[in-house]
Amino acid sequence: MEDINVKVLNEVNKGTTMGMDAISYVASKVGDPKFQEVLDVEYGKYKKIYNQVDEIYSQYSDSQPQETNAMNKMMTWYGIQMNTMTDKSNSKISELLLQGTNMGIIEGRRLLNNNPSVDPEVKKILNDFVVMQEDSVETLKKYL
């Protein structure tokens, strides 16, 4: 059975890579410099948590943290391409990012609520990830 700390770190790592991928996929579609700057800041927040996972992962596993698989990456890219084909507005891009962010919040809260035995350091990273995403929702809502 997989160690709960490894499971949590893998889920956070997948969430951060998915967030960074999604922002990267929409970056070229954003025409508003202010919104682009917001997305750059959001990308940096995901990257910071990604790096935190990377820093402690070896304490729990001899392998590398799991990232999103190629199929999920492709589906995300394809979905963004299709959904922004005729509408590249800040509102549409924000909506797409919010959908993914909300899925991350749900999964993160579920992990927090159902795994009380997670090591404090891992729990802090998970909590930071969820809170960061909740803050991102508030930021992105302004662009709907």
N, C-alpha and C. Protein backbone atom coordinates (compact mmCIF):
# COMPACT_ATOMS: atom_id res chain seq x y z
N MET A 1 0.83 -1.19 0.00
CA MET A 1 0.00 0.00 0.00
C MET A 1 0.87 1.26 0.00
N GLU A 2 0.49 2.22 -0.80
CA GLU A 2 1.26 3.46 -0.91
C GLU A 2 1.15 4.28 0.37
N ASP A 3 2.28 4.78 0.83
CA ASP A 3 2.34 5.64 2.00
C ASP A 3 1.46 6.87 1.76
N ILE A 4 0.69 7.27 2.76
CA ILE A 4 -0.24 8.39 2.60
C ILE A 4 0.50 9.68 2.29
N ASN A 5 1.68 9.85 2.85
CA ASN A 5 2.46 11.06 2.56
C ASN A 5 2.88 11.12 1.09
N VAL A 6 3.26 9.97 0.55
CA VAL A 6 3.64 9.90 -0.87
C VAL A 6 2.41 10.18 -1.73
N LYS A 7 1.29 9.59 -1.34
CA LYS A 7 0.04 9.82 -2.10
C LYS A 7 -0.30 11.30 -2.13
N VAL A 8 -0.27 11.95 -0.98
CA VAL A 8 -0.61 13.37 -0.90
C VAL A 8 0.38 14.21 -1.72
N LEU A 9 1.66 13.93 -1.56
CA LEU A 9 2.66 14.69 -2.32
C LEU A 9 2.49 14.49 -3.83
N ASN A 10 2.16 13.26 -4.24
CA ASN A 10 1.93 12.99 -5.66
C ASN A 10 0.72 13.77 -6.17
N GLU A 11 -0.34 13.81 -5.38
CA GLU A 11 -1.54 14.54 -5.80
C GLU A 11 -1.27 16.04 -5.90
N VAL A 12 -0.54 16.57 -4.94
CA VAL A 12 -0.19 18.00 -5.00
C VAL A 12 0.69 18.26 -6.22
N ASN A 13 1.63 17.38 -6.46
CA ASN A 13 2.53 17.56 -7.60
C ASN A 13 1.75 17.51 -8.92
N LYS A 14 0.81 16.57 -9.01
CA LYS A 14 -0.02 16.50 -10.22
C LYS A 14 -0.84 17.78 -10.38
N GLY A 15 -1.38 18.27 -9.28
CA GLY A 15 -2.17 19.49 -9.33
C GLY A 15 -1.36 20.70 -9.74
N THR A 16 -0.14 20.79 -9.23
CA THR A 16 0.70 21.94 -9.59
C THR A 16 1.12 21.86 -11.05
N THR A 17 1.47 20.67 -11.52
CA THR A 17 1.87 20.56 -12.93
C THR A 17 0.69 20.84 -13.85
N MET A 18 -0.49 20.39 -13.44
CA MET A 18 -1.69 20.65 -14.25
C MET A 18 -1.97 22.16 -14.30
N GLY A 19 -1.84 22.84 -13.17
CA GLY A 19 -2.05 24.28 -13.14
C GLY A 19 -1.05 25.02 -13.99
N MET A 20 0.22 24.65 -13.88
CA MET A 20 1.25 25.30 -14.70
C MET A 20 1.03 25.01 -16.18
N ASP A 21 0.67 23.77 -16.50
CA ASP A 21 0.39 23.43 -17.90
C ASP A 21 -0.75 24.27 -18.45
N ALA A 22 -1.84 24.34 -17.70
CA ALA A 22 -3.02 25.08 -18.17
C ALA A 22 -2.68 26.56 -18.41
N ILE A 23 -1.95 27.15 -17.49
CA ILE A 23 -1.56 28.55 -17.66
C ILE A 23 -0.66 28.69 -18.89
N SER A 24 0.25 27.76 -19.07
CA SER A 24 1.13 27.80 -20.25
C SER A 24 0.33 27.68 -21.54
N TYR A 25 -0.69 26.83 -21.54
CA TYR A 25 -1.49 26.62 -22.74
C TYR A 25 -2.31 27.85 -23.13
N VAL A 26 -2.74 28.64 -22.14
CA VAL A 26 -3.54 29.82 -22.47
C VAL A 26 -2.71 31.08 -22.65
N ALA A 27 -1.46 31.06 -22.22
CA ALA A 27 -0.63 32.27 -22.22
C ALA A 27 -0.59 32.97 -23.57
N SER A 28 -0.45 32.22 -24.63
CA SER A 28 -0.35 32.83 -25.96
C SER A 28 -1.68 33.41 -26.45
N LYS A 29 -2.76 33.06 -25.79
CA LYS A 29 -4.09 33.53 -26.19
C LYS A 29 -4.50 34.82 -25.48
N VAL A 30 -3.75 35.19 -24.45
CA VAL A 30 -4.10 36.35 -23.64
C VAL A 30 -3.56 37.62 -24.30
N GLY A 31 -4.46 38.55 -24.61
CA GLY A 31 -4.05 39.80 -25.23
C GLY A 31 -3.92 40.95 -24.25
N ASP A 32 -4.44 40.78 -23.07
CA ASP A 32 -4.44 41.83 -22.05
C ASP A 32 -3.18 41.70 -21.18
N PRO A 33 -2.26 42.68 -21.27
CA PRO A 33 -1.01 42.59 -20.49
C PRO A 33 -1.24 42.46 -18.98
N LYS A 34 -2.27 43.12 -18.47
CA LYS A 34 -2.55 43.05 -17.03
C LYS A 34 -2.98 41.62 -16.64
N PHE A 35 -3.84 41.02 -17.46
CA PHE A 35 -4.27 39.65 -17.19
C PHE A 35 -3.10 38.69 -17.35
N GLN A 36 -2.24 38.93 -18.33
CA GLN A 36 -1.05 38.09 -18.51
C GLN A 36 -0.16 38.15 -17.27
N GLU A 37 -0.04 39.34 -16.71
CA GLU A 37 0.76 39.50 -15.50
C GLU A 37 0.15 38.70 -14.33
N VAL A 38 -1.16 38.74 -14.22
CA VAL A 38 -1.86 37.97 -13.19
C VAL A 38 -1.57 36.48 -13.37
N LEU A 39 -1.65 36.02 -14.61
CA LEU A 39 -1.38 34.60 -14.87
C LEU A 39 0.07 34.23 -14.58
N ASP A 40 1.00 35.14 -14.86
CA ASP A 40 2.41 34.90 -14.53
C ASP A 40 2.60 34.74 -13.02
N VAL A 41 1.91 35.56 -12.25
CA VAL A 41 1.98 35.46 -10.78
C VAL A 41 1.39 34.13 -10.33
N GLU A 42 0.25 33.76 -10.90
CA GLU A 42 -0.38 32.48 -10.54
C GLU A 42 0.54 31.31 -10.89
N TYR A 43 1.17 31.38 -12.04
CA TYR A 43 2.12 30.33 -12.44
C TYR A 43 3.24 30.21 -11.40
N GLY A 44 3.74 31.35 -10.95
CA GLY A 44 4.81 31.36 -9.94
C GLY A 44 4.38 30.72 -8.63
N LYS A 45 3.12 30.90 -8.26
CA LYS A 45 2.60 30.28 -7.03
C LYS A 45 2.57 28.75 -7.17
N TYR A 46 2.12 28.28 -8.33
CA TYR A 46 2.13 26.83 -8.58
C TYR A 46 3.55 26.30 -8.55
N LYS A 47 4.46 27.03 -9.17
CA LYS A 47 5.86 26.60 -9.26
C LYS A 47 6.49 26.52 -7.87
N LYS A 48 6.15 27.47 -7.01
CA LYS A 48 6.70 27.48 -5.64
C LYS A 48 6.29 26.21 -4.89
N ILE A 49 5.02 25.84 -4.99
CA ILE A 49 4.55 24.64 -4.29
C ILE A 49 5.13 23.39 -4.95
N TYR A 50 5.23 23.39 -6.26
CA TYR A 50 5.87 22.29 -6.99
C TYR A 50 7.29 22.07 -6.45
N ASN A 51 8.02 23.15 -6.26
CA ASN A 51 9.39 23.06 -5.74
C ASN A 51 9.42 22.56 -4.30
N GLN A 52 8.43 22.94 -3.50
CA GLN A 52 8.36 22.46 -2.12
C GLN A 52 8.16 20.95 -2.09
N VAL A 53 7.30 20.44 -2.96
CA VAL A 53 7.10 18.99 -3.05
C VAL A 53 8.40 18.33 -3.44
N ASP A 54 9.06 18.87 -4.43
CA ASP A 54 10.31 18.31 -4.91
C ASP A 54 11.38 18.26 -3.82
N GLU A 55 11.41 19.28 -2.98
CA GLU A 55 12.41 19.36 -1.92
C GLU A 55 12.26 18.26 -0.87
N ILE A 56 11.03 17.88 -0.53
CA ILE A 56 10.86 16.90 0.55
C ILE A 56 10.50 15.50 0.08
N TYR A 57 10.23 15.34 -1.20
CA TYR A 57 9.73 14.05 -1.70
C TYR A 57 10.67 12.90 -1.37
N SER A 58 11.94 13.13 -1.47
CA SER A 58 12.92 12.05 -1.24
C SER A 58 12.90 11.55 0.21
N GLN A 59 12.31 12.29 1.13
CA GLN A 59 12.17 11.82 2.51
C GLN A 59 11.15 10.69 2.62
N TYR A 60 10.29 10.59 1.60
CA TYR A 60 9.18 9.64 1.65
C TYR A 60 9.24 8.55 0.58
N SER A 61 10.04 8.78 -0.45
CA SER A 61 10.07 7.83 -1.55
C SER A 61 11.40 7.90 -2.29
N ASP A 62 11.80 6.76 -2.85
CA ASP A 62 13.02 6.70 -3.65
C ASP A 62 12.77 7.11 -5.11
N SER A 63 11.51 7.22 -5.47
CA SER A 63 11.18 7.57 -6.86
C SER A 63 10.98 9.08 -7.00
N GLN A 64 10.57 9.49 -8.17
CA GLN A 64 10.29 10.89 -8.45
C GLN A 64 8.80 11.16 -8.25
N PRO A 65 8.44 12.40 -7.91
CA PRO A 65 7.02 12.73 -7.75
C PRO A 65 6.26 12.49 -9.07
N GLN A 66 5.04 12.01 -8.94
CA GLN A 66 4.20 11.79 -10.12
C GLN A 66 3.72 13.12 -10.67
N GLU A 67 3.68 13.19 -12.00
CA GLU A 67 3.11 14.34 -12.67
C GLU A 67 1.90 13.87 -13.45
N THR A 68 1.20 14.79 -14.07
CA THR A 68 0.06 14.39 -14.88
C THR A 68 0.57 13.59 -16.07
N ASN A 69 -0.18 12.58 -16.47
CA ASN A 69 0.27 11.75 -17.58
C ASN A 69 0.05 12.46 -18.91
N ALA A 70 0.67 11.93 -19.93
CA ALA A 70 0.63 12.55 -21.26
C ALA A 70 -0.80 12.69 -21.78
N MET A 71 -1.64 11.71 -21.51
CA MET A 71 -3.02 11.75 -21.99
C MET A 71 -3.78 12.91 -21.34
N ASN A 72 -3.61 13.09 -20.04
CA ASN A 72 -4.28 14.20 -19.36
C ASN A 72 -3.77 15.55 -19.87
N LYS A 73 -2.47 15.63 -20.11
CA LYS A 73 -1.90 16.87 -20.64
C LYS A 73 -2.49 17.17 -22.02
N MET A 74 -2.58 16.13 -22.85
CA MET A 74 -3.11 16.31 -24.19
C MET A 74 -4.58 16.73 -24.14
N MET A 75 -5.34 16.09 -23.26
CA MET A 75 -6.76 16.42 -23.14
C MET A 75 -6.96 17.86 -22.64
N THR A 76 -6.13 18.28 -21.72
CA THR A 76 -6.20 19.65 -21.22
C THR A 76 -5.88 20.63 -22.35
N TRP A 77 -4.80 20.37 -23.07
CA TRP A 77 -4.41 21.23 -24.17
C TRP A 77 -5.52 21.30 -25.21
N TYR A 78 -6.04 20.13 -25.59
CA TYR A 78 -7.09 20.07 -26.61
C TYR A 78 -8.34 20.82 -26.14
N GLY A 79 -8.73 20.61 -24.91
CA GLY A 79 -9.91 21.28 -24.37
C GLY A 79 -9.75 22.80 -24.40
N ILE A 80 -8.58 23.27 -24.04
CA ILE A 80 -8.33 24.71 -24.06
C ILE A 80 -8.36 25.23 -25.49
N GLN A 81 -7.74 24.49 -26.40
CA GLN A 81 -7.74 24.92 -27.80
C GLN A 81 -9.17 25.02 -28.34
N MET A 82 -9.97 24.00 -28.07
CA MET A 82 -11.34 23.98 -28.59
C MET A 82 -12.20 25.09 -27.94
N ASN A 83 -12.03 25.29 -26.65
CA ASN A 83 -12.85 26.26 -25.93
C ASN A 83 -12.46 27.70 -26.19
N THR A 84 -11.27 27.91 -26.74
CA THR A 84 -10.84 29.28 -27.01
C THR A 84 -10.73 29.55 -28.51
N MET A 85 -11.22 28.64 -29.31
CA MET A 85 -11.13 28.80 -30.76
C MET A 85 -11.87 30.07 -31.22
N THR A 86 -13.05 30.30 -30.68
CA THR A 86 -13.83 31.46 -31.09
C THR A 86 -13.94 32.53 -30.01
N ASP A 87 -13.45 32.23 -28.83
CA ASP A 87 -13.55 33.19 -27.72
C ASP A 87 -12.26 33.15 -26.90
N LYS A 88 -11.43 34.16 -27.10
CA LYS A 88 -10.16 34.26 -26.37
C LYS A 88 -10.22 35.37 -25.33
N SER A 89 -11.42 35.70 -24.91
CA SER A 89 -11.60 36.79 -23.95
C SER A 89 -11.03 36.41 -22.58
N ASN A 90 -10.73 37.43 -21.80
CA ASN A 90 -10.30 37.20 -20.42
C ASN A 90 -11.33 36.36 -19.67
N SER A 91 -12.60 36.65 -19.93
CA SER A 91 -13.68 35.94 -19.26
C SER A 91 -13.64 34.44 -19.57
N LYS A 92 -13.48 34.10 -20.83
CA LYS A 92 -13.47 32.68 -21.22
C LYS A 92 -12.24 31.98 -20.65
N ILE A 93 -11.10 32.61 -20.74
CA ILE A 93 -9.86 32.00 -20.23
C ILE A 93 -9.95 31.84 -18.71
N SER A 94 -10.47 32.85 -18.05
CA SER A 94 -10.65 32.78 -16.60
C SER A 94 -11.59 31.64 -16.23
N GLU A 95 -12.68 31.51 -16.98
CA GLU A 95 -13.63 30.43 -16.73
C GLU A 95 -12.97 29.06 -16.84
N LEU A 96 -12.18 28.86 -17.88
CA LEU A 96 -11.51 27.57 -18.06
C LEU A 96 -10.54 27.28 -16.91
N LEU A 97 -9.78 28.29 -16.52
CA LEU A 97 -8.83 28.10 -15.42
C LEU A 97 -9.57 27.86 -14.10
N LEU A 98 -10.68 28.53 -13.91
CA LEU A 98 -11.46 28.33 -12.69
C LEU A 98 -11.99 26.90 -12.58
N GLN A 99 -12.41 26.33 -13.69
CA GLN A 99 -12.92 24.96 -13.66
C GLN A 99 -11.85 23.99 -13.15
N GLY A 100 -10.64 24.12 -13.66
CA GLY A 100 -9.56 23.25 -13.20
C GLY A 100 -9.16 23.53 -11.76
N THR A 101 -9.12 24.81 -11.42
CA THR A 101 -8.76 25.19 -10.05
C THR A 101 -9.76 24.64 -9.05
N ASN A 102 -11.04 24.71 -9.38
CA ASN A 102 -12.06 24.18 -8.47
C ASN A 102 -11.91 22.67 -8.28
N MET A 103 -11.54 21.95 -9.32
CA MET A 103 -11.30 20.51 -9.17
C MET A 103 -10.13 20.26 -8.22
N GLY A 104 -9.10 21.09 -8.32
CA GLY A 104 -7.95 20.96 -7.43
C GLY A 104 -8.31 21.25 -5.98
N ILE A 105 -9.16 22.23 -5.76
CA ILE A 105 -9.61 22.57 -4.41
C ILE A 105 -10.40 21.40 -3.82
N ILE A 106 -11.30 20.85 -4.59
CA ILE A 106 -12.11 19.73 -4.10
C ILE A 106 -11.22 18.56 -3.71
N GLU A 107 -10.31 18.19 -4.58
CA GLU A 107 -9.42 17.06 -4.28
C GLU A 107 -8.53 17.37 -3.08
N GLY A 108 -8.02 18.58 -3.01
CA GLY A 108 -7.16 18.97 -1.89
C GLY A 108 -7.89 18.95 -0.56
N ARG A 109 -9.10 19.51 -0.54
CA ARG A 109 -9.89 19.49 0.70
C ARG A 109 -10.24 18.07 1.11
N ARG A 110 -10.54 17.23 0.13
CA ARG A 110 -10.84 15.83 0.42
C ARG A 110 -9.62 15.15 1.06
N LEU A 111 -8.45 15.42 0.52
CA LEU A 111 -7.23 14.83 1.09
C LEU A 111 -6.98 15.35 2.51
N LEU A 112 -7.20 16.64 2.72
CA LEU A 112 -7.02 17.20 4.07
C LEU A 112 -7.99 16.59 5.07
N ASN A 113 -9.24 16.46 4.66
CA ASN A 113 -10.28 15.99 5.58
C ASN A 113 -10.19 14.49 5.88
N ASN A 114 -9.68 13.71 4.94
CA ASN A 114 -9.72 12.25 5.08
C ASN A 114 -8.39 11.61 5.46
N ASN A 115 -7.36 12.43 5.72
CA ASN A 115 -6.05 11.86 6.03
C ASN A 115 -5.40 12.57 7.21
N PRO A 116 -5.96 12.38 8.39
CA PRO A 116 -5.43 13.08 9.56
C PRO A 116 -4.02 12.63 9.96
N SER A 117 -3.57 11.50 9.46
CA SER A 117 -2.26 10.98 9.86
C SER A 117 -1.11 11.48 8.99
N VAL A 118 -1.38 12.39 8.07
CA VAL A 118 -0.34 12.93 7.20
C VAL A 118 0.66 13.71 8.06
N ASP A 119 1.94 13.55 7.74
CA ASP A 119 2.99 14.28 8.46
C ASP A 119 2.73 15.78 8.39
N PRO A 120 3.05 16.51 9.45
CA PRO A 120 2.79 17.96 9.48
C PRO A 120 3.39 18.73 8.30
N GLU A 121 4.60 18.37 7.89
CA GLU A 121 5.24 19.08 6.78
C GLU A 121 4.48 18.86 5.47
N VAL A 122 4.01 17.64 5.25
CA VAL A 122 3.24 17.31 4.05
C VAL A 122 1.87 18.00 4.12
N LYS A 123 1.28 17.97 5.30
CA LYS A 123 -0.03 18.61 5.48
C LYS A 123 0.06 20.11 5.22
N LYS A 124 1.15 20.73 5.64
CA LYS A 124 1.32 22.17 5.40
C LYS A 124 1.40 22.46 3.91
N ILE A 125 2.14 21.65 3.17
CA ILE A 125 2.24 21.86 1.71
C ILE A 125 0.86 21.69 1.08
N LEU A 126 0.14 20.65 1.48
CA LEU A 126 -1.19 20.41 0.94
C LEU A 126 -2.11 21.59 1.27
N ASN A 127 -2.09 22.03 2.51
CA ASN A 127 -2.93 23.15 2.91
C ASN A 127 -2.55 24.42 2.15
N ASP A 128 -1.25 24.68 2.01
CA ASP A 128 -0.79 25.85 1.25
C ASP A 128 -1.29 25.78 -0.19
N PHE A 129 -1.28 24.58 -0.76
CA PHE A 129 -1.75 24.39 -2.14
C PHE A 129 -3.24 24.72 -2.25
N VAL A 130 -4.03 24.21 -1.32
CA VAL A 130 -5.47 24.45 -1.35
C VAL A 130 -5.77 25.94 -1.14
N VAL A 131 -5.12 26.55 -0.17
CA VAL A 131 -5.35 27.97 0.11
C VAL A 131 -4.91 28.82 -1.09
N MET A 132 -3.81 28.46 -1.72
CA MET A 132 -3.35 29.18 -2.90
C MET A 132 -4.39 29.09 -4.01
N GLN A 133 -4.96 27.92 -4.19
CA GLN A 133 -5.97 27.76 -5.23
C GLN A 133 -7.25 28.54 -4.88
N GLU A 134 -7.62 28.54 -3.62
CA GLU A 134 -8.79 29.32 -3.21
C GLU A 134 -8.56 30.81 -3.46
N ASP A 135 -7.34 31.27 -3.21
CA ASP A 135 -6.99 32.67 -3.51
C ASP A 135 -7.03 32.92 -5.01
N SER A 136 -6.59 31.93 -5.79
CA SER A 136 -6.61 32.06 -7.25
C SER A 136 -8.02 32.20 -7.77
N VAL A 137 -8.95 31.48 -7.15
CA VAL A 137 -10.36 31.59 -7.56
C VAL A 137 -10.82 33.04 -7.41
N GLU A 138 -10.49 33.64 -6.28
CA GLU A 138 -10.90 35.03 -6.05
C GLU A 138 -10.26 35.97 -7.07
N THR A 139 -9.02 35.72 -7.39
CA THR A 139 -8.32 36.53 -8.40
C THR A 139 -8.94 36.37 -9.78
N LEU A 140 -9.17 35.13 -10.18
CA LEU A 140 -9.70 34.84 -11.52
C LEU A 140 -11.15 35.30 -11.69
N LYS A 141 -11.93 35.27 -10.62
CA LYS A 141 -13.33 35.69 -10.69
C LYS A 141 -13.45 37.13 -11.17
N LYS A 142 -12.46 37.95 -10.90
CA LYS A 142 -12.49 39.34 -11.32
C LYS A 142 -12.45 39.49 -12.84
N TYR A 143 -12.03 38.44 -13.52
CA TYR A 143 -11.89 38.51 -14.97
C TYR A 143 -13.03 37.81 -15.72
N LEU A 144 -14.01 37.32 -14.98
CA LEU A 144 -15.16 36.67 -15.63
C LEU A 144 -16.01 37.69 -16.40
